[in-house]
Protein backbone atom coordinates (compact mmCIF):
# COMPACT_ATOMS: atom_id res chain seq x y z
CA MET A 1 0.00 0.00 0.00
CA VAL A 2 1.08 3.55 -0.65
CA ARG A 3 0.88 6.13 2.11
CA ALA A 4 -1.01 9.36 1.37
CA GLN A 5 -1.66 12.41 3.47
CA ILE A 6 -5.07 14.06 3.24
CA GLN A 7 -6.84 16.75 5.22
CA PHE A 8 -10.38 16.67 6.56
CA THR A 9 -12.57 19.24 8.23
CA GLU A 10 -13.29 18.63 11.90
CA GLU A 11 -16.82 17.54 10.99
CA GLN A 12 -15.61 15.08 8.35
CA LEU A 13 -13.10 13.53 10.72
CA GLU A 14 -15.75 13.24 13.43
CA VAL A 15 -18.03 11.34 11.04
CA LEU A 16 -15.17 9.11 9.90
CA ARG A 17 -14.18 8.29 13.47
CA ALA A 18 -17.77 7.46 14.39
CA ARG A 19 -18.15 5.19 11.36
CA ALA A 20 -14.83 3.50 12.09
CA ALA A 21 -15.96 2.82 15.66
CA GLN A 22 -19.25 1.35 14.39
CA LEU A 23 -17.39 -0.99 12.07
CA THR A 24 -14.52 -1.62 14.53
CA VAL A 25 -11.95 -0.69 11.88
CA SER A 26 -9.48 2.16 11.48
CA VAL A 27 -10.33 5.52 9.94
CA SER A 28 -7.91 4.59 7.16
CA GLU A 29 -9.94 1.47 6.42
CA VAL A 30 -13.16 3.50 6.26
CA VAL A 31 -11.52 5.86 3.76
CA ARG A 32 -10.17 2.94 1.68
CA ARG A 33 -13.61 1.35 1.56
CA ALA A 34 -15.26 4.63 0.60
CA VAL A 35 -12.76 5.23 -2.20
CA GLU A 36 -13.17 1.66 -3.46
CA ALA A 37 -16.96 2.03 -3.57
CA TRP A 38 -16.63 5.36 -5.35
CA VAL A 39 -14.30 4.16 -8.09
CA LYS A 40 -16.02 0.87 -8.94
CA PRO A 41 -17.09 0.78 -12.60
CA GLY A 42 -20.69 1.74 -13.12
CA LEU A 43 -21.03 3.31 -9.69
CA ILE A 44 -20.60 6.85 -10.98
CA PRO A 45 -22.95 7.55 -13.90
CA SER A 46 -21.43 9.13 -17.00
CA PRO A 47 -22.53 12.62 -18.04
CA ASP A 48 -24.58 11.05 -20.84
CA GLU A 49 -26.32 8.77 -18.35
CA LEU A 50 -27.08 11.72 -16.07
CA ARG A 51 -28.60 13.64 -18.98
CA ARG A 52 -30.67 10.60 -19.97
CA ARG A 53 -31.98 10.28 -16.41
CA ALA A 54 -32.81 13.99 -16.28
CA ARG A 55 -34.76 13.81 -19.55
CA GLU A 56 -36.59 10.75 -18.30
CA ALA A 57 -37.58 12.50 -15.06
CA ALA A 58 -38.65 15.75 -16.75
CA GLY A 59 -42.39 16.27 -16.47
CA ARG A 60 -42.87 13.16 -14.37
CA PHE A 61 -43.90 15.02 -11.24
CA GLY A 62 -46.59 17.62 -10.79
CA SER A 63 -48.17 19.54 -7.96
CA GLY A 64 -51.51 20.04 -9.66
CA GLU A 65 -51.08 23.80 -9.36
CA THR A 66 -51.51 25.65 -12.64
CA ASP A 67 -50.36 29.14 -11.63
CA VAL A 68 -46.94 28.39 -10.17
CA ALA A 69 -45.10 30.70 -12.59
CA ARG A 70 -47.28 33.68 -11.64
CA LYS A 71 -47.55 32.98 -7.92
CA HIS A 72 -44.17 31.32 -7.30
CA ASP A 73 -43.51 33.51 -4.23
CA GLN A 74 -46.67 32.22 -2.56
CA TYR A 75 -45.72 28.54 -2.84
């Protein structure tokens, strides 16, 4: 393994320490697992896939209100 030095905010480190305690592993192991999950193929959608999902979701949801553009401050 290669050693790397990274910096976290206090809040991030607090969350990492809590998660490490839950799993009874080191903070380093939590970070390694998170990185591994993040870089697995297919885990992060491509820009084309994100656009496809956005187009698919467009118009799928509605509030039933017909005057939202005019009265947007009231909603």
